[in-house]
Amino acid sequence: MRNPIPSLLSPSVAAGVFLFLLLTACGQQNSFPDDNALYDMEVEEEIIPITRQAEVVPPPPSFSETGDDQDPADEVVKSLIIRQGDMEIEVKEVEKAKAGLDVLVQTHKGYYSNEQYQDAWNRLSYTLSIRIPSDRFEAFVKGVEEGEGRIVSKQITARDVTEEYLDLELRQKNILSFLKRYNEMLKQAKNVEEMLQIQKRIDELENGVERVVGRLKFLNDRVKYSTLNIEIYQHIKHEKAQVEEDGFFTRLWEGLTKGWDRFLNFIIGLATNWSLFLILAVIVYFVMKLWRRRKGRK
């Protein structure tokens, strides 16, 4: 009976053992990634998907397991809606209408983000920007419509930002992951040039995080509080005042008073422009003197 051990040392098996040992030795090397590694990380960042569908929405179970015909994957993510509206209302008494709006805003736990009052020649108006909790927005709009005044124009819009919000969350997660890796690489940098290169990338990633966080906060605010811009105005009719006819002595006294005032103003004008009159007097004097001299020669 032959020994089985020599059969295990066939050329193909020996080559496989050698390749395994070579890969193991390479894997045990603890060297800092070079420029090519940095480039690969940057390329990897660019191709990372920014959609959370694969992470957030799990595979839907079969209908036999849920016991109904509704796909539960549709309820995993709550829709994020931004509602905004514009209304123009003509009222009979603008101050009364404004007071009614004040009560309505307070009732629905809202607030004015902007308030402007204008008193024009034939129009009094309030331009208001009102923030209302989203779950009370429809009730607030209905309350405005049922209030006093005639609705001249109305426009309500709703924008779904769910996909944008989820994409931003995933982008933030990816950036933070890369930021952690670059910070670890910074600790292992071999020279100053390598440190500067990695630090520059870290600064760019931190700026990216700030922009994403700012956008997320903005979307959160707009989703939580809806905005309604309202202009309420009142038309004004101007009538000429009727002046009563005054008596003779009253009008005479007013005439004398006005005449005296004009005389005083004339004296004040002469006193103010004395230099001009002096120059005119000198010119007239020399002109008359020249005229008399020519007349005497004739």
C-alpha atoms as a PDB file:
ATOM      1  CA  MET A   1       0.000   0.000   0.000  1.00  0.00           C
ATOM      2  CA  ARG A   2       1.366   3.418  -1.062  1.00  0.00           C
ATOM      3  CA  ASN A   3       1.849   6.296   1.353  1.00  0.00           C
ATOM      4  CA  PRO A   4      -0.867   9.043   0.666  1.00  0.00           C
ATOM      5  CA  ILE A   5       1.371  11.902   1.749  1.00  0.00           C
ATOM      6  CA  PRO A   6       3.408  12.155  -1.456  1.00  0.00           C
ATOM      7  CA  SER A   7       0.171  12.460  -3.448  1.00  0.00           C
ATOM      8  CA  LEU A   8      -0.716  15.629  -1.515  1.00  0.00           C
ATOM      9  CA  LEU A   9       2.486  17.279  -2.616  1.00  0.00           C
ATOM     10  CA  SER A  10       1.519  17.448  -6.255  1.00  0.00           C
ATOM     11  CA  PRO A  11       2.695  20.515  -8.247  1.00  0.00           C
ATOM     12  CA  SER A  12      -0.747  22.155  -8.204  1.00  0.00           C
ATOM     13  CA  VAL A  13      -1.115  21.775  -4.441  1.00  0.00           C
ATOM     14  CA  ALA A  14       2.365  23.108  -3.821  1.00  0.00           C
ATOM     15  CA  ALA A  15       1.647  26.151  -5.984  1.00  0.00           C
ATOM     16  CA  GLY A  16      -1.550  26.822  -4.051  1.00  0.00           C
ATOM     17  CA  VAL A  17       0.269  26.628  -0.712  1.00  0.00           C
ATOM     18  CA  PHE A  18       2.951  29.010  -1.968  1.00  0.00           C
ATOM     19  CA  LEU A  19       0.342  31.541  -3.190  1.00  0.00           C
ATOM     20  CA  PHE A  20      -1.467  31.361   0.164  1.00  0.00           C
ATOM     21  CA  LEU A  21       1.726  32.058   2.090  1.00  0.00           C
ATOM     22  CA  LEU A  22       2.552  34.978  -0.212  1.00  0.00           C
ATOM     23  CA  LEU A  23      -0.856  36.607   0.248  1.00  0.00           C
ATOM     24  CA  THR A  24      -0.650  36.087   4.010  1.00  0.00           C
ATOM     25  CA  ALA A  25       2.711  37.806   4.164  1.00  0.00           C
ATOM     26  CA  CYS A  26       1.419  40.751   2.124  1.00  0.00           C
ATOM     27  CA  GLY A  27      -1.620  41.080   4.348  1.00  0.00           C
ATOM     28  CA  GLN A  28       0.523  41.306   7.459  1.00  0.00           C
ATOM     29  CA  GLN A  29       2.369  44.402   6.202  1.00  0.00           C
ATOM     30  CA  ASN A  30       1.280  47.537   8.067  1.00  0.00           C
ATOM     31  CA  SER A  31       2.136  50.327   5.651  1.00  0.00           C
ATOM     32  CA  PHE A  32       0.446  53.717   5.215  1.00  0.00           C
ATOM     33  CA  PRO A  33      -1.622  54.045   2.000  1.00  0.00           C
ATOM     34  CA  ASP A  34       0.171  55.925  -0.740  1.00  0.00           C
ATOM     35  CA  ASP A  35      -1.206  58.502  -3.180  1.00  0.00           C
ATOM     36  CA  ASN A  36      -2.919  55.808  -5.220  1.00  0.00           C
ATOM     37  CA  ALA A  37      -4.816  54.719  -2.123  1.00  0.00           C
ATOM     38  CA  LEU A  38      -5.961  58.284  -1.527  1.00  0.00           C
ATOM     39  CA  TYR A  39      -7.099  58.488  -5.105  1.00  0.00           C
ATOM     40  CA  ASP A  40      -9.036  55.228  -4.779  1.00  0.00           C
ATOM     41  CA  MET A  41     -10.819  56.570  -1.677  1.00  0.00           C
ATOM     42  CA  GLU A  42     -11.823  59.732  -3.494  1.00  0.00           C
ATOM     43  CA  VAL A  43     -13.150  57.736  -6.431  1.00  0.00           C
ATOM     44  CA  GLU A  44     -15.017  55.478  -4.016  1.00  0.00           C
ATOM     45  CA  GLU A  45     -16.641  58.522  -2.426  1.00  0.00           C
ATOM     46  CA  GLU A  46     -17.831  59.772  -5.802  1.00  0.00           C
ATOM     47  CA  ILE A  47     -19.477  56.482  -6.746  1.00  0.00           C
ATOM     48  CA  ILE A  48     -21.154  55.832  -3.381  1.00  0.00           C
ATOM     49  CA  PRO A  49     -24.923  56.021  -3.974  1.00  0.00           C
ATOM     50  CA  ILE A  50     -26.784  58.811  -2.177  1.00  0.00           C
ATOM     51  CA  THR A  51     -30.087  57.012  -1.927  1.00  0.00           C
ATOM     52  CA  ARG A  52     -31.234  55.338   1.270  1.00  0.00           C
ATOM     53  CA  GLN A  53     -33.778  53.090  -0.364  1.00  0.00           C
ATOM     54  CA  ALA A  54     -31.630  49.981   0.001  1.00  0.00           C
ATOM     55  CA  GLU A  55     -30.879  50.787   3.662  1.00  0.00           C
ATOM     56  CA  VAL A  56     -34.133  52.214   4.972  1.00  0.00           C
ATOM     57  CA  VAL A  57     -36.756  50.153   3.163  1.00  0.00           C
ATOM     58  CA  PRO A  58     -36.429  46.440   4.068  1.00  0.00           C
ATOM     59  CA  PRO A  59     -37.650  43.726   1.717  1.00  0.00           C
ATOM     60  CA  PRO A  60     -41.442  43.576   2.053  1.00  0.00           C
ATOM     61  CA  PRO A  61     -42.776  40.373   3.590  1.00  0.00           C
ATOM     62  CA  SER A  62     -45.166  38.253   1.646  1.00  0.00           C
ATOM     63  CA  PHE A  63     -48.869  39.072   1.882  1.00  0.00           C
ATOM     64  CA  SER A  64     -49.497  35.733   3.464  1.00  0.00           C
ATOM     65  CA  GLU A  65     -47.370  36.823   6.422  1.00  0.00           C
ATOM     66  CA  THR A  66     -48.980  40.228   6.899  1.00  0.00           C
ATOM     67  CA  GLY A  67     -52.501  38.993   6.480  1.00  0.00           C
ATOM     68  CA  ASP A  68     -53.665  41.987   4.362  1.00  0.00           C
ATOM     69  CA  ASP A  69     -53.237  43.397   0.871  1.00  0.00           C
ATOM     70  CA  GLN A  70     -51.272  46.525   1.856  1.00  0.00           C
ATOM     71  CA  ASP A  71     -47.532  46.635   1.304  1.00  0.00           C
ATOM     72  CA  PRO A  72     -46.020  47.677   4.677  1.00  0.00           C
ATOM     73  CA  ALA A  73     -42.900  49.016   2.902  1.00  0.00           C
ATOM     74  CA  ASP A  74     -44.979  52.025   1.885  1.00  0.00           C
ATOM     75  CA  GLU A  75     -45.297  53.057   5.547  1.00  0.00           C
ATOM     76  CA  VAL A  76     -41.642  52.765   6.522  1.00  0.00           C
ATOM     77  CA  VAL A  77     -40.791  56.410   5.765  1.00  0.00           C
ATOM     78  CA  LYS A  78     -43.189  59.195   6.723  1.00  0.00           C
ATOM     79  CA  SER A  79     -43.667  61.791   4.015  1.00  0.00           C
ATOM     80  CA  LEU A  80     -42.141  65.204   4.663  1.00  0.00           C
ATOM     81  CA  ILE A  81     -44.295  67.935   3.110  1.00  0.00           C
ATOM     82  CA  ILE A  82     -43.578  71.671   2.946  1.00  0.00           C
ATOM     83  CA  ARG A  83     -46.788  73.706   2.689  1.00  0.00           C
ATOM     84  CA  GLN A  84     -46.873  77.362   1.717  1.00  0.00           C
ATOM     85  CA  GLY A  85     -49.641  79.728   0.699  1.00  0.00           C
ATOM     86  CA  ASP A  86     -50.429  83.279  -0.429  1.00  0.00           C
ATOM     87  CA  MET A  87     -53.702  85.117   0.133  1.00  0.00           C
ATOM     88  CA  GLU A  88     -54.981  88.616  -0.638  1.00  0.00           C
ATOM     89  CA  ILE A  89     -58.072  89.822   1.219  1.00  0.00           C
ATOM     90  CA  GLU A  90     -60.043  93.062   0.889  1.00  0.00           C
ATOM     91  CA  VAL A  91     -61.731  94.174   4.119  1.00  0.00           C
ATOM     92  CA  LYS A  92     -63.880  97.062   5.286  1.00  0.00           C
ATOM     93  CA  GLU A  93     -61.878  97.809   8.443  1.00  0.00           C
ATOM     94  CA  VAL A  94     -58.248  96.739   8.260  1.00  0.00           C
ATOM     95  CA  GLU A  95     -57.535  97.169  11.980  1.00  0.00           C
ATOM     96  CA  LYS A  96     -60.499  94.991  12.931  1.00  0.00           C
ATOM     97  CA  ALA A  97     -59.418  92.330  10.444  1.00  0.00           C
ATOM     98  CA  LYS A  98     -55.871  92.426  11.801  1.00  0.00           C
ATOM     99  CA  ALA A  99     -57.148  91.946  15.350  1.00  0.00           C
ATOM    100  CA  GLY A 100     -59.110  88.900  14.212  1.00  0.00           C
ATOM    101  CA  LEU A 101     -55.993  87.445  12.608  1.00  0.00           C
ATOM    102  CA  ASP A 102     -54.048  88.019  15.821  1.00  0.00           C
ATOM    103  CA  VAL A 103     -56.533  85.886  17.725  1.00  0.00           C
ATOM    104  CA  LEU A 104     -56.519  83.199  15.043  1.00  0.00           C
ATOM    105  CA  VAL A 105     -52.708  83.015  14.974  1.00  0.00           C
ATOM    106  CA  GLN A 106     -52.554  82.718  18.766  1.00  0.00           C
ATOM    107  CA  THR A 107     -55.263  80.040  18.790  1.00  0.00           C
ATOM    108  CA  HIS A 108     -53.301  77.868  16.357  1.00  0.00           C
ATOM    109  CA  LYS A 109     -49.990  78.447  18.191  1.00  0.00           C
ATOM    110  CA  GLY A 110     -48.393  80.310  15.302  1.00  0.00           C
ATOM    111  CA  TYR A 111     -46.373  83.497  15.048  1.00  0.00           C
ATOM    112  CA  TYR A 112     -45.620  86.398  12.703  1.00  0.00           C
ATOM    113  CA  SER A 113     -42.235  86.110  11.008  1.00  0.00           C
ATOM    114  CA  ASN A 114     -42.802  89.426   9.223  1.00  0.00           C
ATOM    115  CA  GLU A 115     -45.338  92.236   9.648  1.00  0.00           C
ATOM    116  CA  GLN A 116     -45.558  95.455   7.608  1.00  0.00           C
ATOM    117  CA  TYR A 117     -48.123  98.265   7.738  1.00  0.00           C
ATOM    118  CA  GLN A 118     -48.638 100.797   4.953  1.00  0.00           C
ATOM    119  CA  ASP A 119     -50.797 103.924   4.873  1.00  0.00           C
ATOM    120  CA  ALA A 120     -51.091 104.999   1.239  1.00  0.00           C
ATOM    121  CA  TRP A 121     -53.224 107.755  -0.285  1.00  0.00           C
ATOM    122  CA  ASN A 122     -56.291 105.587  -0.883  1.00  0.00           C
ATOM    123  CA  ARG A 123     -55.350 102.328   0.837  1.00  0.00           C
ATOM    124  CA  LEU A 124     -54.486 100.940   4.281  1.00  0.00           C
ATOM    125  CA  SER A 125     -52.832  97.540   4.292  1.00  0.00           C
ATOM    126  CA  TYR A 126     -51.014  94.897   6.367  1.00  0.00           C
ATOM    127  CA  THR A 127     -48.538  92.534   4.725  1.00  0.00           C
ATOM    128  CA  LEU A 128     -48.064  89.519   7.001  1.00  0.00           C
ATOM    129  CA  SER A 129     -45.938  86.381   6.891  1.00  0.00           C
ATOM    130  CA  ILE A 130     -47.376  83.810   9.320  1.00  0.00           C
ATOM    131  CA  ARG A 131     -45.765  80.541  10.497  1.00  0.00           C
ATOM    132  CA  ILE A 132     -48.241  77.884  11.616  1.00  0.00           C
ATOM    133  CA  PRO A 133     -47.567  74.325  12.868  1.00  0.00           C
ATOM    134  CA  SER A 134     -48.073  72.017   9.901  1.00  0.00           C
ATOM    135  CA  ASP A 135     -50.723  69.914  11.606  1.00  0.00           C
ATOM    136  CA  ARG A 136     -52.823  73.070  12.139  1.00  0.00           C
ATOM    137  CA  PHE A 137     -52.220  74.724   8.761  1.00  0.00           C
ATOM    138  CA  GLU A 138     -55.381  73.570   7.002  1.00  0.00           C
ATOM    139  CA  ALA A 139     -57.554  74.560   9.969  1.00  0.00           C
ATOM    140  CA  PHE A 140     -55.871  77.968  10.064  1.00  0.00           C
ATOM    141  CA  VAL A 141     -56.479  78.574   6.346  1.00  0.00           C
ATOM    142  CA  LYS A 142     -60.118  77.584   6.805  1.00  0.00           C
ATOM    143  CA  GLY A 143     -60.413  80.044   9.699  1.00  0.00           C
ATOM    144  CA  VAL A 144     -59.006  82.839   7.534  1.00  0.00           C
ATOM    145  CA  GLU A 145     -61.464  82.041   4.754  1.00  0.00           C
ATOM    146  CA  GLU A 146     -64.394  82.119   7.176  1.00  0.00           C
ATOM    147  CA  GLY A 147     -63.322  85.472   8.581  1.00  0.00           C
ATOM    148  CA  GLU A 148     -64.305  88.936   7.433  1.00  0.00           C
ATOM    149  CA  GLY A 149     -63.427  90.285   4.033  1.00  0.00           C
ATOM    150  CA  ARG A 150     -63.452  89.262   0.394  1.00  0.00           C
ATOM    151  CA  ILE A 151     -60.757  86.849  -0.784  1.00  0.00           C
ATOM    152  CA  VAL A 152     -59.232  88.421  -3.880  1.00  0.00           C
ATOM    153  CA  SER A 153     -56.650  85.692  -4.532  1.00  0.00           C
ATOM    154  CA  LYS A 154     -55.476  82.450  -2.941  1.00  0.00           C
ATOM    155  CA  GLN A 155     -52.711  79.974  -3.742  1.00  0.00           C
ATOM    156  CA  ILE A 156     -51.642  76.973  -1.625  1.00  0.00           C
ATOM    157  CA  THR A 157     -48.707  74.739  -2.607  1.00  0.00           C
ATOM    158  CA  ALA A 158     -47.315  71.504  -1.123  1.00  0.00           C
ATOM    159  CA  ARG A 159     -43.853  70.124  -1.889  1.00  0.00           C
ATOM    160  CA  ASP A 160     -42.674  66.627  -0.932  1.00  0.00           C
ATOM    161  CA  VAL A 161     -39.056  66.758   0.289  1.00  0.00           C
ATOM    162  CA  THR A 162     -38.855  63.226   1.694  1.00  0.00           C
ATOM    163  CA  GLU A 163     -36.410  61.964  -0.926  1.00  0.00           C
ATOM    164  CA  GLU A 164     -34.195  65.027  -0.601  1.00  0.00           C
ATOM    165  CA  TYR A 165     -34.148  64.696   3.200  1.00  0.00           C
ATOM    166  CA  LEU A 166     -33.233  60.996   3.128  1.00  0.00           C
ATOM    167  CA  ASP A 167     -30.526  61.628   0.539  1.00  0.00           C
ATOM    168  CA  LEU A 168     -29.052  64.345   2.729  1.00  0.00           C
ATOM    169  CA  GLU A 169     -29.059  62.052   5.758  1.00  0.00           C
ATOM    170  CA  LEU A 170     -27.188  59.357   3.841  1.00  0.00           C
ATOM    171  CA  ARG A 171     -24.760  61.903   2.418  1.00  0.00           C
ATOM    172  CA  GLN A 172     -24.052  63.114   5.949  1.00  0.00           C
ATOM    173  CA  LYS A 173     -23.455  59.535   7.088  1.00  0.00           C
ATOM    174  CA  ASN A 174     -21.053  58.870   4.210  1.00  0.00           C
ATOM    175  CA  ILE A 175     -19.114  62.075   4.761  1.00  0.00           C
ATOM    176  CA  LEU A 176     -18.741  61.350   8.471  1.00  0.00           C
ATOM    177  CA  SER A 177     -17.489  57.873   7.646  1.00  0.00           C
ATOM    178  CA  PHE A 178     -14.842  59.233   5.295  1.00  0.00           C
ATOM    179  CA  LEU A 179     -13.963  61.936   7.792  1.00  0.00           C
ATOM    180  CA  LYS A 180     -13.248  59.297  10.414  1.00  0.00           C
ATOM    181  CA  ARG A 181     -11.016  57.394   8.016  1.00  0.00           C
ATOM    182  CA  TYR A 182      -9.066  60.499   7.015  1.00  0.00           C
ATOM    183  CA  ASN A 183      -8.529  61.410  10.675  1.00  0.00           C
ATOM    184  CA  GLU A 184      -7.060  57.958  11.244  1.00  0.00           C
ATOM    185  CA  MET A 185      -4.849  58.373   8.197  1.00  0.00           C
ATOM    186  CA  LEU A 186      -3.675  61.739   9.485  1.00  0.00           C
ATOM    187  CA  LYS A 187      -2.312  60.088  12.615  1.00  0.00           C
ATOM    188  CA  GLN A 188      -0.263  57.719  10.436  1.00  0.00           C
ATOM    189  CA  ALA A 189       1.073  60.316   7.983  1.00  0.00           C
ATOM    190  CA  LYS A 190       4.754  59.836   7.143  1.00  0.00           C
ATOM    191  CA  ASN A 191       5.721  63.384   6.205  1.00  0.00           C
ATOM    192  CA  VAL A 192       4.484  66.991   6.197  1.00  0.00           C
ATOM    193  CA  GLU A 193       3.354  66.893   2.579  1.00  0.00           C
ATOM    194  CA  GLU A 194       1.183  63.881   3.270  1.00  0.00           C
ATOM    195  CA  MET A 195      -0.265  65.569   6.378  1.00  0.00           C
ATOM    196  CA  LEU A 196      -1.144  68.720   4.438  1.00  0.00           C
ATOM    197  CA  GLN A 197      -2.818  66.718   1.688  1.00  0.00           C
ATOM    198  CA  ILE A 198      -4.932  64.761   4.157  1.00  0.00           C
ATOM    199  CA  GLN A 199      -5.755  67.860   6.245  1.00  0.00           C
ATOM    200  CA  LYS A 200      -6.977  69.672   3.137  1.00  0.00           C
ATOM    201  CA  ARG A 201      -9.340  66.822   2.412  1.00  0.00           C
ATOM    202  CA  ILE A 202     -10.532  66.798   6.030  1.00  0.00           C
ATOM    203  CA  ASP A 203     -11.368  70.519   5.819  1.00  0.00           C
ATOM    204  CA  GLU A 204     -13.391  69.924   2.647  1.00  0.00           C
ATOM    205  CA  LEU A 205     -15.309  67.095   4.291  1.00  0.00           C
ATOM    206  CA  GLU A 206     -16.046  69.196   7.392  1.00  0.00           C
ATOM    207  CA  ASN A 207     -17.391  72.019   5.202  1.00  0.00           C
ATOM    208  CA  GLY A 208     -19.553  69.472   3.418  1.00  0.00           C
ATOM    209  CA  VAL A 209     -20.969  68.263   6.725  1.00  0.00           C
ATOM    210  CA  GLU A 210     -21.830  71.834   7.740  1.00  0.00           C
ATOM    211  CA  ARG A 211     -23.683  72.459   4.484  1.00  0.00           C
ATOM    212  CA  VAL A 212     -25.648  69.223   4.775  1.00  0.00           C
ATOM    213  CA  VAL A 213     -26.537  69.887   8.430  1.00  0.00           C
ATOM    214  CA  GLY A 214     -27.673  73.412   7.553  1.00  0.00           C
ATOM    215  CA  ARG A 215     -29.902  72.146   4.772  1.00  0.00           C
ATOM    216  CA  LEU A 216     -31.394  69.473   7.046  1.00  0.00           C
ATOM    217  CA  LYS A 217     -32.212  72.092   9.688  1.00  0.00           C
ATOM    218  CA  PHE A 218     -33.857  74.295   7.058  1.00  0.00           C
ATOM    219  CA  LEU A 219     -36.012  71.434   5.766  1.00  0.00           C
ATOM    220  CA  ASN A 220     -36.945  70.448   9.322  1.00  0.00           C
ATOM    221  CA  ASP A 221     -38.112  73.995  10.057  1.00  0.00           C
ATOM    222  CA  ARG A 222     -40.125  74.272   6.840  1.00  0.00           C
ATOM    223  CA  VAL A 223     -41.754  70.907   7.400  1.00  0.00           C
ATOM    224  CA  LYS A 224     -42.571  71.593  11.045  1.00  0.00           C
ATOM    225  CA  TYR A 225     -44.016  75.091  10.401  1.00  0.00           C
ATOM    226  CA  SER A 226     -45.967  75.984   7.265  1.00  0.00           C
ATOM    227  CA  THR A 227     -45.929  79.538   5.910  1.00  0.00           C
ATOM    228  CA  LEU A 228     -48.909  81.652   4.854  1.00  0.00           C
ATOM    229  CA  ASN A 229     -48.365  85.115   3.389  1.00  0.00           C
ATOM    230  CA  ILE A 230     -51.446  87.330   3.752  1.00  0.00           C
ATOM    231  CA  GLU A 231     -52.150  90.861   2.582  1.00  0.00           C
ATOM    232  CA  ILE A 232     -55.251  92.538   4.014  1.00  0.00           C
ATOM    233  CA  TYR A 233     -56.163  95.975   2.750  1.00  0.00           C
ATOM    234  CA  GLN A 234     -58.892  98.599   2.991  1.00  0.00           C
ATOM    235  CA  HIS A 235     -59.761 101.221   0.392  1.00  0.00           C
ATOM    236  CA  ILE A 236     -60.166 104.836   1.594  1.00  0.00           C
ATOM    237  CA  LYS A 237     -62.340 107.544   0.002  1.00  0.00           C
ATOM    238  CA  HIS A 238     -60.948 111.055   0.447  1.00  0.00           C
ATOM    239  CA  GLU A 239     -63.525 113.875   0.516  1.00  0.00           C
ATOM    240  CA  LYS A 240     -62.743 117.589   0.348  1.00  0.00           C
ATOM    241  CA  ALA A 241     -63.362 119.338   3.604  1.00  0.00           C
ATOM    242  CA  GLN A 242     -66.007 122.003   3.602  1.00  0.00           C
ATOM    243  CA  VAL A 243     -64.709 125.328   4.913  1.00  0.00           C
ATOM    244  CA  GLU A 244     -67.186 127.508   6.767  1.00  0.00           C
ATOM    245  CA  GLU A 245     -67.559 131.079   5.630  1.00  0.00           C
ATOM    246  CA  ASP A 246     -65.949 133.406   8.202  1.00  0.00           C
ATOM    247  CA  GLY A 247     -67.308 136.815   9.195  1.00  0.00           C
ATOM    248  CA  PHE A 248     -66.130 140.200   7.811  1.00  0.00           C
ATOM    249  CA  PHE A 249     -64.087 141.278  10.843  1.00  0.00           C
ATOM    250  CA  THR A 250     -62.435 137.886  11.122  1.00  0.00           C
ATOM    251  CA  ARG A 251     -61.372 138.028   7.493  1.00  0.00           C
ATOM    252  CA  LEU A 252     -60.228 141.669   7.906  1.00  0.00           C
ATOM    253  CA  TRP A 253     -58.076 140.765  10.897  1.00  0.00           C
ATOM    254  CA  GLU A 254     -56.564 137.802   9.025  1.00  0.00           C
ATOM    255  CA  GLY A 255     -55.813 140.135   6.064  1.00  0.00           C
ATOM    256  CA  LEU A 256     -54.067 142.674   8.283  1.00  0.00           C
ATOM    257  CA  THR A 257     -52.087 139.931   9.997  1.00  0.00           C
ATOM    258  CA  LYS A 258     -50.962 138.443   6.700  1.00  0.00           C
ATOM    259  CA  GLY A 259     -50.059 141.890   5.345  1.00  0.00           C
ATOM    260  CA  TRP A 260     -47.919 142.657   8.390  1.00  0.00           C
ATOM    261  CA  ASP A 261     -46.201 139.290   8.090  1.00  0.00           C
ATOM    262  CA  ARG A 262     -45.389 139.972   4.440  1.00  0.00           C
ATOM    263  CA  PHE A 263     -43.970 143.411   5.316  1.00  0.00           C
ATOM    264  CA  LEU A 264     -41.739 141.858   7.960  1.00  0.00           C
ATOM    265  CA  ASN A 265     -40.597 139.225   5.512  1.00  0.00           C
ATOM    266  CA  PHE A 266     -39.743 142.009   3.020  1.00  0.00           C
ATOM    267  CA  ILE A 267     -37.607 143.825   5.606  1.00  0.00           C
ATOM    268  CA  ILE A 268     -35.897 140.597   6.549  1.00  0.00           C
ATOM    269  CA  GLY A 269     -35.205 139.946   2.864  1.00  0.00           C
ATOM    270  CA  LEU A 270     -33.602 143.379   2.474  1.00  0.00           C
ATOM    271  CA  ALA A 271     -31.462 142.814   5.553  1.00  0.00           C
ATOM    272  CA  THR A 272     -30.417 139.415   4.300  1.00  0.00           C
ATOM    273  CA  ASN A 273     -29.428 140.672   0.808  1.00  0.00           C
ATOM    274  CA  TRP A 274     -27.815 144.010   1.817  1.00  0.00           C
ATOM    275  CA  SER A 275     -24.586 143.167   0.045  1.00  0.00           C
ATOM    276  CA  LEU A 276     -26.412 142.701  -3.230  1.00  0.00           C
ATOM    277  CA  PHE A 277     -28.195 146.025  -2.884  1.00  0.00           C
ATOM    278  CA  LEU A 278     -24.914 147.746  -2.023  1.00  0.00           C
ATOM    279  CA  ILE A 279     -23.295 146.418  -5.210  1.00  0.00           C
ATOM    280  CA  LEU A 280     -26.301 147.551  -7.268  1.00  0.00           C
ATOM    281  CA  ALA A 281     -26.121 151.022  -5.676  1.00  0.00           C
ATOM    282  CA  VAL A 282     -22.412 151.371  -6.551  1.00  0.00           C
ATOM    283  CA  ILE A 283     -23.077 150.307 -10.145  1.00  0.00           C
ATOM    284  CA  VAL A 284     -25.947 152.772 -10.488  1.00  0.00           C
ATOM    285  CA  TYR A 285     -23.776 155.572  -9.028  1.00  0.00           C
ATOM    286  CA  PHE A 286     -20.972 155.075 -11.542  1.00  0.00           C
ATOM    287  CA  VAL A 287     -23.390 154.716 -14.455  1.00  0.00           C
ATOM    288  CA  MET A 288     -25.130 157.982 -13.540  1.00  0.00           C
ATOM    289  CA  LYS A 289     -21.796 159.743 -13.079  1.00  0.00           C
ATOM    290  CA  LEU A 290     -20.577 158.580 -16.489  1.00  0.00           C
ATOM    291  CA  TRP A 291     -23.835 159.601 -18.113  1.00  0.00           C
ATOM    292  CA  ARG A 292     -23.636 163.130 -16.606  1.00  0.00           C
ATOM    293  CA  ARG A 293     -20.040 163.545 -17.740  1.00  0.00           C
ATOM    294  CA  ARG A 294     -20.899 162.677 -21.345  1.00  0.00           C
ATOM    295  CA  LYS A 295     -23.884 164.965 -21.171  1.00  0.00           C
ATOM    296  CA  GLY A 296     -21.678 167.884 -19.964  1.00  0.00           C
ATOM    297  CA  ARG A 297     -19.276 167.456 -22.936  1.00  0.00           C
ATOM    298  CA  LYS A 298     -22.104 167.844 -25.377  1.00  0.00           C
END
